[in-house]
Protein backbone atom coordinates (compact mmCIF):
# COMPACT_ATOMS: atom_id res chain seq x y z
CA UNK A 1 70.28 200.25 125.80
CA UNK A 2 70.94 196.83 124.27
CA UNK A 3 72.37 195.44 127.53
CA UNK A 4 69.21 196.40 129.49
CA UNK A 5 66.96 195.00 126.80
CA UNK A 6 68.87 191.68 126.77
CA UNK A 7 68.78 191.50 130.55
CA UNK A 8 65.07 192.26 130.60
CA UNK A 9 64.31 189.58 128.07
CA UNK A 10 66.37 187.02 129.93
CA UNK A 11 64.62 187.96 133.17
CA UNK A 12 61.21 187.58 131.44
CA UNK A 13 62.04 184.06 130.32
CA UNK A 14 63.47 183.02 133.67
CA UNK A 15 60.61 184.67 135.64
CA UNK A 16 58.09 182.72 133.55
CA UNK A 17 59.88 179.43 134.18
CA UNK A 18 60.32 180.24 137.82
CA UNK A 19 56.69 181.13 138.58
CA UNK A 20 55.33 178.14 136.50
CA UNK A 21 57.69 175.62 138.22
CA UNK A 22 57.09 177.23 141.62
CA UNK A 23 53.41 176.10 141.23
CA UNK A 24 54.03 172.85 139.40
CA UNK A 25 56.40 171.53 142.08
CA UNK A 26 53.68 171.95 144.72
CA UNK A 27 51.27 169.55 142.87
CA UNK A 28 53.07 166.43 144.24
CA UNK A 29 54.53 168.34 147.25
CA UNK A 30 51.29 169.92 148.53
CA UNK A 31 51.79 168.62 152.07
CA UNK A 32 55.41 169.75 152.39
CA UNK A 33 55.74 173.56 151.92
CA UNK A 34 58.14 173.65 154.89
CA UNK A 35 60.49 171.23 153.09
CA UNK A 36 60.28 173.25 149.85
CA UNK A 37 61.10 176.48 151.78
CA UNK A 38 64.14 174.90 153.57
CA UNK A 39 65.38 173.15 150.43
CA UNK A 40 65.22 176.41 148.34
CA UNK A 41 66.94 178.54 150.91
CA UNK A 42 69.57 175.86 151.72
CA UNK A 43 70.60 174.85 148.18
CA UNK A 44 71.08 178.42 147.05
CA UNK A 45 74.03 178.93 149.38
CA UNK A 46 76.42 176.23 147.98
CA UNK A 47 75.42 177.19 144.44
CA UNK A 48 76.53 180.80 144.98
CA UNK A 49 79.72 179.93 146.97
CA UNK A 50 80.74 177.39 144.33
CA UNK A 51 81.39 180.50 142.24
CA UNK A 52 82.51 182.92 144.95
CA UNK A 53 85.24 180.83 146.56
CA UNK A 54 87.30 179.82 143.49
CA UNK A 55 86.84 183.22 141.87
CA UNK A 56 88.12 184.97 145.06
CA UNK A 57 90.94 182.59 145.77
CA UNK A 58 92.38 182.28 142.27
CA UNK A 59 91.52 185.76 140.94
CA UNK A 60 89.39 184.38 138.11
CA UNK A 61 87.55 186.62 135.65
CA UNK A 62 90.08 189.45 136.02
CA UNK A 63 89.84 189.26 139.84
CA UNK A 64 86.09 189.81 139.78
CA UNK A 65 85.99 189.29 143.55
CA UNK A 66 88.98 191.14 145.02
CA UNK A 67 90.20 191.13 148.61
CA UNK A 68 88.42 194.42 149.11
CA UNK A 69 85.10 192.52 149.10
CA UNK A 70 86.09 191.10 152.46
CA UNK A 71 86.13 194.64 153.95
CA UNK A 72 82.43 195.25 153.09
CA UNK A 73 80.33 195.44 156.30
CA UNK A 74 78.02 192.39 156.78
CA UNK A 75 75.08 194.33 158.14
CA UNK A 76 73.62 195.25 154.72
CA UNK A 77 73.77 191.52 153.74
CA UNK A 78 71.85 190.69 156.98
CA UNK A 79 69.09 193.21 156.12
CA UNK A 80 68.82 191.91 152.56
CA UNK A 81 68.79 188.35 153.81
CA UNK A 82 65.96 189.16 156.19
CA UNK A 83 63.89 190.89 153.50
CA UNK A 84 64.57 188.14 150.94
CA UNK A 85 63.63 185.49 153.49
CA UNK A 86 60.25 187.02 154.13
CA UNK A 87 59.54 187.57 150.50
CA UNK A 88 60.61 184.16 149.24
CA UNK A 89 58.97 182.25 152.11
CA UNK A 90 55.68 183.99 151.57
CA UNK A 91 55.88 183.23 147.82
CA UNK A 92 56.73 179.52 148.28
CA UNK A 93 53.87 179.01 150.77
CA UNK A 94 51.38 181.00 148.67
CA UNK A 95 52.26 178.82 145.64
CA UNK A 96 50.85 175.77 147.50
CA UNK A 97 47.43 177.19 148.16
CA UNK A 98 46.81 179.64 145.26
CA UNK A 99 46.10 178.86 141.58
CA UNK A 100 48.75 179.72 139.05
CA UNK A 101 46.80 182.72 137.66
CA UNK A 102 46.95 184.48 141.03
CA UNK A 103 50.69 183.64 141.33
CA UNK A 104 51.21 185.57 138.21
CA UNK A 105 48.84 188.51 138.73
CA UNK A 106 49.15 189.38 142.42
CA UNK A 107 52.99 190.01 142.39
CA UNK A 108 52.27 192.82 139.89
CA UNK A 109 51.54 194.84 143.01
CA UNK A 110 55.28 195.28 143.11
CA UNK A 111 54.93 197.94 140.36
CA UNK A 112 53.09 200.54 142.40
CA UNK A 113 55.00 199.46 145.54
CA UNK A 114 58.33 200.02 143.83
CA UNK A 115 57.19 203.42 142.57
CA UNK A 116 56.14 204.57 146.06
CA UNK A 117 59.26 203.23 147.82
CA UNK A 118 61.62 204.51 145.08
CA UNK A 119 60.06 207.90 145.37
CA UNK A 120 60.77 208.13 149.09
CA UNK A 121 64.06 206.20 149.23
CA UNK A 122 65.71 207.02 145.94
CA UNK A 123 63.83 210.33 145.18
CA UNK A 124 62.77 208.97 141.77
CA UNK A 125 60.37 210.97 139.66
CA UNK A 126 57.68 209.72 137.27
CA UNK A 127 55.58 211.07 134.46
CA UNK A 128 51.82 210.88 134.33
CA UNK A 129 51.85 207.90 131.96
CA UNK A 130 53.66 205.87 134.65
CA UNK A 131 51.14 206.91 137.31
CA UNK A 132 48.30 205.86 134.97
CA UNK A 133 50.03 202.53 134.44
CA UNK A 134 50.28 201.95 138.22
CA UNK A 135 46.62 202.90 138.60
CA UNK A 136 45.62 200.38 135.93
CA UNK A 137 47.61 197.69 137.79
CA UNK A 138 45.77 198.50 141.06
CA UNK A 139 42.37 198.37 139.29
CA UNK A 140 43.29 195.04 137.77
CA UNK A 141 44.33 193.63 141.11
CA UNK A 142 40.98 194.72 142.63
CA UNK A 143 39.14 192.89 139.89
CA UNK A 144 41.28 189.79 140.42
CA UNK A 145 40.80 189.79 144.16
CA UNK A 146 36.96 190.50 144.08
CA UNK A 147 35.99 186.92 143.27
CA UNK A 148 38.33 185.54 145.98
CA UNK A 149 36.84 187.85 148.62
CA UNK A 150 33.23 187.26 147.44
CA UNK A 151 33.72 183.49 147.03
CA UNK A 152 32.61 183.56 143.38
CA UNK A 153 35.51 181.60 141.89
CA UNK A 154 33.96 178.10 141.77
CA UNK A 155 30.88 176.29 140.44
CA UNK A 156 27.46 176.69 142.00
CA UNK A 157 27.49 173.26 143.71
CA UNK A 158 30.27 171.03 145.01
CA UNK A 159 30.47 167.51 146.33
CA UNK A 160 31.72 167.34 149.94
CA UNK A 161 32.42 164.27 152.07
CA UNK A 162 30.74 163.69 155.41
CA UNK A 163 34.04 162.31 156.77
CA UNK A 164 36.77 164.45 155.18
CA UNK A 165 39.62 162.37 156.53
CA UNK A 166 38.40 159.17 154.90
CA UNK A 167 36.47 160.11 151.71
CA UNK A 168 37.45 163.66 150.84
CA UNK A 169 39.34 162.89 147.61
CA UNK A 170 36.67 160.52 146.24
CA UNK A 171 33.94 163.03 146.80
CA UNK A 172 35.85 165.94 145.31
CA UNK A 173 36.36 164.11 142.03
CA UNK A 174 32.59 164.02 141.53
CA UNK A 175 31.41 166.70 139.22
CA UNK A 176 27.64 166.07 139.09
CA UNK A 177 25.01 165.53 141.70
CA UNK A 178 24.25 162.06 140.46
CA UNK A 179 27.82 160.90 140.65
CA UNK A 180 28.28 162.61 144.06
CA UNK A 181 25.28 160.96 145.68
CA UNK A 182 25.92 157.63 144.11
CA UNK A 183 29.11 157.11 146.15
CA UNK A 184 28.06 154.77 149.02
CA UNK A 185 29.56 152.77 151.87
CA UNK A 186 30.31 149.22 150.64
CA UNK A 187 30.02 147.53 154.02
CA UNK A 188 26.23 147.86 154.42
CA UNK A 189 23.11 148.64 152.38
CA UNK A 190 20.03 150.71 152.95
CA UNK A 191 16.97 151.14 150.83
CA UNK A 192 16.55 154.82 149.91
CA UNK A 193 12.75 154.41 149.96
CA UNK A 194 12.88 153.62 153.69
CA UNK A 195 14.17 157.13 154.32
CA UNK A 196 11.81 158.75 151.87
CA UNK A 197 14.53 160.81 150.07
CA UNK A 198 14.90 162.02 146.53
CA UNK A 199 17.80 161.40 144.15
CA UNK A 200 19.53 164.64 145.10
CA UNK A 201 19.40 164.27 148.91
CA UNK A 202 22.16 162.22 150.65
CA UNK A 203 20.98 159.07 152.36
CA UNK A 204 22.35 157.57 155.55
CA UNK A 205 24.46 155.37 153.23
CA UNK A 206 26.00 158.20 151.23
CA UNK A 207 29.67 159.13 151.50
CA UNK A 208 29.14 162.69 150.12
CA UNK A 209 26.59 165.48 150.07
CA UNK A 210 25.88 167.90 147.21
CA UNK A 211 26.05 171.47 148.58
CA UNK A 212 25.96 175.06 147.32
CA UNK A 213 29.46 176.43 146.86
CA UNK A 214 28.98 178.98 149.62
CA UNK A 215 28.50 176.16 152.16
CA UNK A 216 31.56 174.16 151.28
CA UNK A 217 35.30 174.23 151.81
CA UNK A 218 35.24 177.09 154.26
CA UNK A 219 38.82 176.31 155.34
CA UNK A 220 40.21 176.26 151.82
CA UNK A 221 38.48 179.51 151.00
CA UNK A 222 40.04 181.06 154.09
CA UNK A 223 43.44 179.82 152.88
CA UNK A 224 42.87 181.37 149.49
CA UNK A 225 42.09 184.77 151.06
CA UNK A 226 44.91 184.64 153.62
CA UNK A 227 47.61 183.61 151.19
CA UNK A 228 46.40 186.05 148.53
CA UNK A 229 47.03 188.88 150.93
CA UNK A 230 50.26 187.21 152.05
CA UNK A 231 51.48 187.20 148.46
CA UNK A 232 50.51 190.83 148.04
CA UNK A 233 52.46 191.62 151.31
CA UNK A 234 55.55 189.76 149.99
CA UNK A 235 56.02 192.48 147.35
CA UNK A 236 56.95 194.95 150.15
CA UNK A 237 60.12 193.16 151.48
CA UNK A 238 60.90 192.04 147.89
CA UNK A 239 60.89 195.64 146.68
CA UNK A 240 62.71 196.98 149.67
CA UNK A 241 65.46 194.34 149.14
CA UNK A 242 65.71 195.25 145.43
CA UNK A 243 66.10 198.91 146.30
CA UNK A 244 68.69 198.09 148.91
CA UNK A 245 70.62 195.94 146.43
CA UNK A 246 70.43 198.67 143.80
CA UNK A 247 71.85 201.16 146.17
CA UNK A 248 74.72 198.80 147.17
CA UNK A 249 75.56 197.96 143.56
CA UNK A 250 75.50 201.63 142.45
CA UNK A 251 77.57 202.84 145.41
CA UNK A 252 80.19 200.06 145.12
CA UNK A 253 80.59 199.76 141.34
CA UNK A 254 83.17 196.97 141.80
CA UNK A 255 80.91 194.83 143.91
CA UNK A 256 80.31 191.45 142.22
CA UNK A 257 76.58 190.71 141.96
CA UNK A 258 77.05 187.03 142.75
CA UNK A 259 79.12 187.84 145.87
CA UNK A 260 76.20 190.05 146.97
CA UNK A 261 73.76 187.28 146.24
CA UNK A 262 75.84 184.62 148.05
CA UNK A 263 76.25 186.41 151.30
CA UNK A 264 72.58 187.54 151.26
CA UNK A 265 71.52 183.92 150.73
CA UNK A 266 73.60 182.79 153.69
CA UNK A 267 71.71 185.09 156.09
CA UNK A 268 68.48 184.30 154.30
CA UNK A 269 68.97 180.65 155.18
CA UNK A 270 69.59 181.45 158.86
CA UNK A 271 66.38 183.59 159.03
CA UNK A 272 64.41 180.85 157.24
CA UNK A 273 65.35 178.39 159.94
CA UNK A 274 63.97 180.75 162.54
CA UNK A 275 60.64 180.91 160.68
CA UNK A 276 60.13 177.10 160.59
CA UNK A 277 58.15 176.77 163.76
CA UNK A 278 55.77 179.79 163.30
CA UNK A 279 55.00 178.87 159.66
CA UNK A 280 53.94 175.47 160.78
CA UNK A 281 50.80 177.02 162.27
CA UNK A 282 49.77 178.59 158.94
CA UNK A 283 50.00 175.60 156.62
CA UNK A 284 47.23 173.07 155.97
CA UNK A 285 47.17 170.71 157.77
CA UNK A 286 48.99 172.49 160.60
CA UNK A 287 52.41 171.17 161.58
CA UNK A 288 53.12 171.39 165.30
CA UNK A 289 56.74 171.98 166.49
CA UNK A 290 57.04 168.30 167.50
CA UNK A 291 55.98 167.19 164.00
CA UNK A 292 58.28 169.45 161.90
CA UNK A 293 61.19 166.96 161.72
CA UNK A 294 58.85 164.19 160.55
CA UNK A 295 57.13 166.52 158.09
CA UNK A 296 60.44 167.64 156.54
CA UNK A 297 61.64 164.03 156.36
CA UNK A 298 58.39 162.99 154.60
CA UNK A 299 58.97 165.86 152.21
CA UNK A 300 62.43 164.52 151.38
CA UNK A 301 60.92 161.04 150.78
CA UNK A 302 58.21 162.58 148.57
CA UNK A 303 60.95 164.04 146.31
CA UNK A 304 62.31 160.56 146.01
CA UNK A 305 58.83 159.23 145.08
CA UNK A 306 57.60 157.72 148.32
CA UNK A 307 54.14 158.61 149.71
CA UNK A 308 53.61 159.27 153.41
CA UNK A 309 50.16 160.87 153.55
CA UNK A 310 47.45 158.48 152.24
CA UNK A 311 44.25 159.99 153.69
CA UNK A 312 42.50 163.33 153.79
CA UNK A 313 41.73 165.80 151.00
CA UNK A 314 45.33 165.90 149.72
CA UNK A 315 46.96 162.49 149.84
CA UNK A 316 50.51 162.40 148.55
CA UNK A 317 51.05 161.96 144.83
CA UNK A 318 54.77 161.53 145.00
CA UNK A 319 56.33 160.35 141.79
CA UNK A 320 59.82 160.48 140.26
CA UNK A 321 58.77 163.74 138.45
CA UNK A 322 58.55 165.45 141.90
CA UNK A 323 62.41 165.50 142.02
CA UNK A 324 62.55 166.82 138.47
CA UNK A 325 60.09 169.71 139.21
CA UNK A 326 61.87 170.67 142.49
CA UNK A 327 65.30 170.66 140.97
CA UNK A 328 64.17 172.53 137.85
CA UNK A 329 62.50 175.14 140.07
CA UNK A 330 65.75 175.60 141.93
CA UNK A 331 67.66 176.06 138.70
CA UNK A 332 65.24 178.72 137.50
CA UNK A 333 65.31 180.38 140.86
CA UNK A 334 69.12 180.70 140.68
CA UNK A 335 68.93 182.09 137.18
CA UNK A 336 66.10 184.38 138.07
CA UNK A 337 67.97 185.83 141.10
CA UNK A 338 71.21 186.16 139.21
CA UNK A 339 69.57 188.05 136.39
CA UNK A 340 67.87 190.27 138.87
CA UNK A 341 71.21 191.23 140.31
CA UNK A 342 72.53 192.33 136.88
CA UNK A 343 69.33 194.20 136.09
CA UNK A 344 69.79 196.18 139.36
CA UNK A 345 73.43 196.76 138.56
CA UNK A 346 72.95 198.13 135.04
CA UNK A 347 69.29 199.20 135.29
CA UNK A 348 66.99 200.05 138.17
CA UNK A 349 64.40 198.65 140.50
CA UNK A 350 61.57 200.10 138.36
CA UNK A 351 62.98 198.43 135.19
CA UNK A 352 63.11 195.19 137.16
CA UNK A 353 59.41 195.13 138.01
CA UNK A 354 58.06 196.81 134.85
CA UNK A 355 59.56 194.00 132.85
CA UNK A 356 57.42 191.64 134.77
CA UNK A 357 54.19 192.91 133.31
CA UNK A 358 55.03 190.78 130.13
CA UNK A 359 55.08 187.80 132.46
CA UNK A 360 51.32 187.73 132.80
CA UNK A 361 50.34 186.51 129.33
CA UNK A 362 53.42 184.32 128.88
CA UNK A 363 53.09 182.46 132.22
CA UNK A 364 49.32 182.08 131.87
CA UNK A 365 49.82 180.52 128.50
CA UNK A 366 52.25 177.96 129.98
CA UNK A 367 49.82 177.19 132.79
CA UNK A 368 47.06 176.63 130.25
CA UNK A 369 49.31 174.29 128.20
CA UNK A 370 50.30 172.32 131.39
CA UNK A 371 46.71 171.94 132.54
CA UNK A 372 45.69 170.75 129.09
CA UNK A 373 48.40 168.08 129.12
CA UNK A 374 46.98 166.16 132.05
CA UNK A 375 47.05 168.08 135.30
CA UNK A 376 43.70 169.04 136.74
CA UNK A 377 42.85 172.54 135.71
CA UNK A 378 41.82 173.61 139.20
CA UNK A 379 45.14 172.55 140.56
CA UNK A 380 47.16 174.66 138.09
CA UNK A 381 44.91 177.52 137.06
């Protein structure tokens, strides 16, 4: 009763902070999702074992981690680590390319997924109101995805650079045709009348062209669609892992949730290292295997406030706040995961994901406040 309510409220608060910071940290770190993935998986291990080792060695908290814990087979931890690695990696990479509103709404797909998987794996039963609720979630997701698939999310016209590598950022900041077409090369001059063009047609001297939305940013629209479905797909391993953890915590009532989380995170880290090379082909711009070390190092420099990428559509905007966002996101991720373990121990997988429905208005409110405080609305929302 009261314990479940308290845990659910704590999870709601931490989930909101986690999803908001997951997006906000990518604003300065857009070019370094591989670094963010490695950093998140890596730092979680020492955080967990900083609790596990002393508690097990000195018998703290009434011997919360007894010697019997060492007898638990490691295979379940390997399975959970693999599932958590897939889910978390997809969520981190999706947060780079998707607006905050989709990061909040699309994971609600976990509600019908958890109902289906719990029905088959845990033999759970539901009443008609719960089925109606799941149907409402599915309808809502279809309405959210429709603009993404039909390319109706943006304005009617956009400003696009002729040479993306050199002038992309300058052109994208233009919001009207006049401003867009007024951006010219400074090293030479041409009279528009010579070419016989109107005010709204780019001249040979223009940096940008004013195009219908449907003809622009094909690559970025592809990224939106691809990572939207990737984020939906991440709910399947996430839910399977939650069910697996629930079964482990219910069967072994003395199993410490942090111990479970720590050993899972260790194997999660190992699997994340195996995914580094293939994920490099799905980020934008692509990172070849030979460039991964340099990209990760540049990501570390970005956290410290040093820019490495100065051209293209997304030049680095590394500032000292990058380290603050990345570290705060890690803190909320740790709290989010720890609370999830206790919800699964004293509640259920369904309680875990149903509590996330309240995340939608709360997180969207925080995104709106953040965009109003200075960040570009399209970057956050």
